[in-house]
N, C-alpha and C. Protein backbone atom coordinates (compact mmCIF):
# COMPACT_ATOMS: atom_id res chain seq x y z
N MET A 1 -7.00 -11.34 -5.71
CA MET A 1 -7.88 -10.64 -4.72
C MET A 1 -8.00 -9.19 -5.07
N ASN A 2 -9.09 -8.65 -4.67
CA ASN A 2 -9.32 -7.22 -4.94
C ASN A 2 -9.02 -6.35 -3.67
N VAL A 3 -8.24 -5.29 -3.92
CA VAL A 3 -7.93 -4.38 -2.89
C VAL A 3 -8.09 -2.96 -3.45
N LEU A 4 -8.13 -1.93 -2.55
CA LEU A 4 -8.03 -0.61 -3.02
C LEU A 4 -6.69 -0.07 -2.64
N ILE A 5 -6.11 0.59 -3.64
CA ILE A 5 -4.86 1.24 -3.43
C ILE A 5 -5.10 2.71 -3.78
N ASN A 6 -4.93 3.61 -2.73
CA ASN A 6 -5.23 5.01 -2.93
C ASN A 6 -6.71 5.22 -3.53
N ARG A 7 -7.60 4.43 -3.01
CA ARG A 7 -9.01 4.46 -3.42
C ARG A 7 -9.33 4.00 -4.82
N ILE A 8 -8.35 3.31 -5.39
CA ILE A 8 -8.56 2.79 -6.84
C ILE A 8 -8.60 1.30 -6.74
N PRO A 9 -9.51 0.58 -7.25
CA PRO A 9 -9.56 -0.82 -7.23
C PRO A 9 -8.40 -1.46 -8.02
N HIS A 10 -7.76 -2.46 -7.41
CA HIS A 10 -6.66 -3.31 -8.01
C HIS A 10 -6.85 -4.68 -7.72
N THR A 11 -6.39 -5.52 -8.70
CA THR A 11 -6.45 -6.96 -8.43
C THR A 11 -5.07 -7.44 -8.24
N LEU A 12 -4.74 -8.07 -7.07
CA LEU A 12 -3.45 -8.57 -6.77
C LEU A 12 -3.61 -10.03 -6.53
N PRO A 13 -2.46 -10.85 -6.71
CA PRO A 13 -2.55 -12.26 -6.48
C PRO A 13 -2.72 -12.58 -4.91
N GLU A 14 -3.30 -13.73 -4.68
CA GLU A 14 -3.44 -14.15 -3.26
C GLU A 14 -2.10 -14.14 -2.64
N GLY A 15 -2.00 -13.71 -1.37
CA GLY A 15 -0.74 -13.75 -0.72
C GLY A 15 0.12 -12.40 -0.95
N ALA A 16 -0.43 -11.54 -1.68
CA ALA A 16 0.29 -10.25 -1.94
C ALA A 16 0.64 -9.47 -0.74
N THR A 17 1.70 -8.83 -0.76
CA THR A 17 2.12 -8.02 0.40
C THR A 17 2.01 -6.48 0.15
N VAL A 18 2.29 -5.72 1.17
CA VAL A 18 2.37 -4.24 0.97
C VAL A 18 3.41 -3.88 -0.09
N ALA A 19 4.48 -4.62 -0.11
CA ALA A 19 5.55 -4.31 -1.17
C ALA A 19 4.98 -4.55 -2.53
N ASP A 20 4.08 -5.54 -2.68
CA ASP A 20 3.46 -5.76 -4.02
C ASP A 20 2.61 -4.64 -4.49
N ALA A 21 1.83 -4.07 -3.42
CA ALA A 21 0.93 -2.97 -3.67
C ALA A 21 1.71 -1.79 -4.04
N ILE A 22 2.82 -1.48 -3.41
CA ILE A 22 3.71 -0.34 -3.76
C ILE A 22 4.26 -0.52 -5.18
N ALA A 23 4.68 -1.82 -5.55
CA ALA A 23 5.14 -2.00 -6.89
C ALA A 23 4.07 -1.85 -7.92
N THR A 24 2.84 -2.14 -7.63
CA THR A 24 1.69 -2.11 -8.52
C THR A 24 1.56 -0.61 -9.07
N ILE A 25 1.69 0.31 -8.12
CA ILE A 25 1.49 1.69 -8.56
C ILE A 25 2.84 2.43 -8.80
N ALA A 26 3.94 1.70 -8.73
CA ALA A 26 5.27 2.22 -8.97
C ALA A 26 5.51 3.44 -8.10
N ALA A 27 5.23 3.36 -6.86
CA ALA A 27 5.40 4.51 -5.90
C ALA A 27 6.89 4.71 -5.72
N ARG A 28 7.26 6.03 -5.64
CA ARG A 28 8.64 6.38 -5.48
C ARG A 28 8.81 7.09 -4.16
N ALA A 29 9.87 6.67 -3.43
CA ALA A 29 10.14 7.25 -2.09
C ALA A 29 10.40 8.81 -2.23
N PRO A 30 10.03 9.48 -1.16
CA PRO A 30 9.56 9.08 0.15
C PRO A 30 8.06 8.93 0.11
N PHE A 31 7.56 7.99 0.94
CA PHE A 31 6.14 7.82 1.15
C PHE A 31 5.96 7.07 2.49
N ALA A 32 4.70 7.08 2.93
CA ALA A 32 4.22 6.30 4.01
C ALA A 32 3.14 5.44 3.58
N VAL A 33 2.95 4.31 4.33
CA VAL A 33 1.90 3.40 3.96
C VAL A 33 1.00 3.04 5.12
N ALA A 34 -0.30 2.95 4.86
CA ALA A 34 -1.30 2.53 5.86
C ALA A 34 -2.17 1.50 5.24
N VAL A 35 -2.51 0.45 5.94
CA VAL A 35 -3.44 -0.51 5.54
C VAL A 35 -4.64 -0.48 6.51
N ASN A 36 -5.80 -0.26 6.01
CA ASN A 36 -7.03 -0.04 6.77
C ASN A 36 -6.76 0.96 7.91
N THR A 37 -6.12 2.09 7.57
CA THR A 37 -5.89 3.26 8.39
C THR A 37 -4.79 2.90 9.51
N ARG A 38 -4.10 1.81 9.38
CA ARG A 38 -3.07 1.51 10.33
C ARG A 38 -1.66 1.59 9.65
N PHE A 39 -0.74 2.46 10.17
CA PHE A 39 0.56 2.67 9.70
C PHE A 39 1.31 1.36 9.56
N VAL A 40 2.00 1.12 8.47
CA VAL A 40 2.83 0.00 8.27
C VAL A 40 4.30 0.47 8.13
N PRO A 41 5.18 0.11 9.11
CA PRO A 41 6.62 0.51 9.00
C PRO A 41 7.31 -0.04 7.71
N GLN A 42 8.22 0.66 7.23
CA GLN A 42 8.89 0.19 6.01
C GLN A 42 9.56 -1.27 6.25
N SER A 43 9.97 -1.56 7.43
CA SER A 43 10.60 -2.83 7.70
C SER A 43 9.62 -4.00 7.56
N ARG A 44 8.31 -3.73 7.50
CA ARG A 44 7.32 -4.78 7.30
C ARG A 44 6.67 -4.81 5.93
N TYR A 45 7.07 -4.03 5.00
CA TYR A 45 6.45 -4.02 3.67
C TYR A 45 6.45 -5.37 3.06
N ALA A 46 7.58 -6.06 3.03
CA ALA A 46 7.69 -7.38 2.39
C ALA A 46 6.99 -8.49 3.09
N GLU A 47 6.69 -8.34 4.32
CA GLU A 47 6.06 -9.47 5.09
C GLU A 47 4.63 -9.18 5.48
N GLN A 48 4.13 -7.93 5.36
CA GLN A 48 2.75 -7.61 5.72
C GLN A 48 1.86 -8.09 4.55
N ARG A 49 1.13 -9.18 4.84
CA ARG A 49 0.24 -9.67 3.76
C ARG A 49 -1.05 -8.87 3.74
N LEU A 50 -1.56 -8.83 2.57
CA LEU A 50 -2.85 -8.14 2.33
C LEU A 50 -3.98 -9.12 2.26
N GLN A 51 -5.17 -8.69 2.63
CA GLN A 51 -6.43 -9.51 2.56
C GLN A 51 -7.37 -8.89 1.60
N PRO A 52 -8.23 -9.74 0.97
CA PRO A 52 -9.30 -9.15 0.06
C PRO A 52 -10.04 -8.04 0.81
N GLY A 53 -10.18 -6.99 0.04
CA GLY A 53 -10.92 -5.79 0.54
C GLY A 53 -10.14 -4.83 1.31
N ASP A 54 -8.82 -5.15 1.54
CA ASP A 54 -8.00 -4.17 2.27
C ASP A 54 -7.90 -2.82 1.52
N GLU A 55 -7.71 -1.77 2.26
CA GLU A 55 -7.58 -0.45 1.75
C GLU A 55 -6.22 0.01 2.06
N VAL A 56 -5.43 0.18 1.03
CA VAL A 56 -4.00 0.61 1.16
C VAL A 56 -3.89 2.05 0.76
N GLU A 57 -3.27 2.86 1.62
CA GLU A 57 -3.00 4.23 1.33
C GLU A 57 -1.53 4.41 1.23
N ILE A 58 -0.98 4.92 0.09
CA ILE A 58 0.45 5.21 -0.07
C ILE A 58 0.52 6.69 -0.24
N ILE A 59 1.08 7.38 0.77
CA ILE A 59 1.02 8.78 0.85
C ILE A 59 2.35 9.48 0.79
N ALA A 60 2.56 10.36 -0.13
CA ALA A 60 3.82 11.06 -0.30
C ALA A 60 3.67 12.40 0.39
N PRO A 61 4.80 12.81 1.11
CA PRO A 61 4.73 14.17 1.80
C PRO A 61 4.61 15.28 0.80
N VAL A 62 3.94 16.33 1.19
CA VAL A 62 3.80 17.51 0.37
C VAL A 62 4.46 18.68 1.04
N THR A 63 5.24 19.47 0.32
CA THR A 63 5.90 20.58 0.91
C THR A 63 5.39 21.83 0.23
N GLY A 64 5.55 22.90 0.96
CA GLY A 64 5.17 24.20 0.35
C GLY A 64 4.58 25.10 1.39
N GLY A 65 4.12 26.23 0.99
CA GLY A 65 3.56 27.06 2.03
C GLY A 65 2.25 27.65 1.67
């Protein structure tokens, strides 16, 4: 299935989860995840299934002044 991860198209297998999306881009903690602009808590990464066309944002905090 096709999804967007950080606005870049990716193809993931049917039944893929948020955890699979994170692994696809090799995201390194700390980060937050939203699917279709809804926050997904870390405790749900492995069970939150994605649907074709979902937009996943994996956002790392930025520090500085």
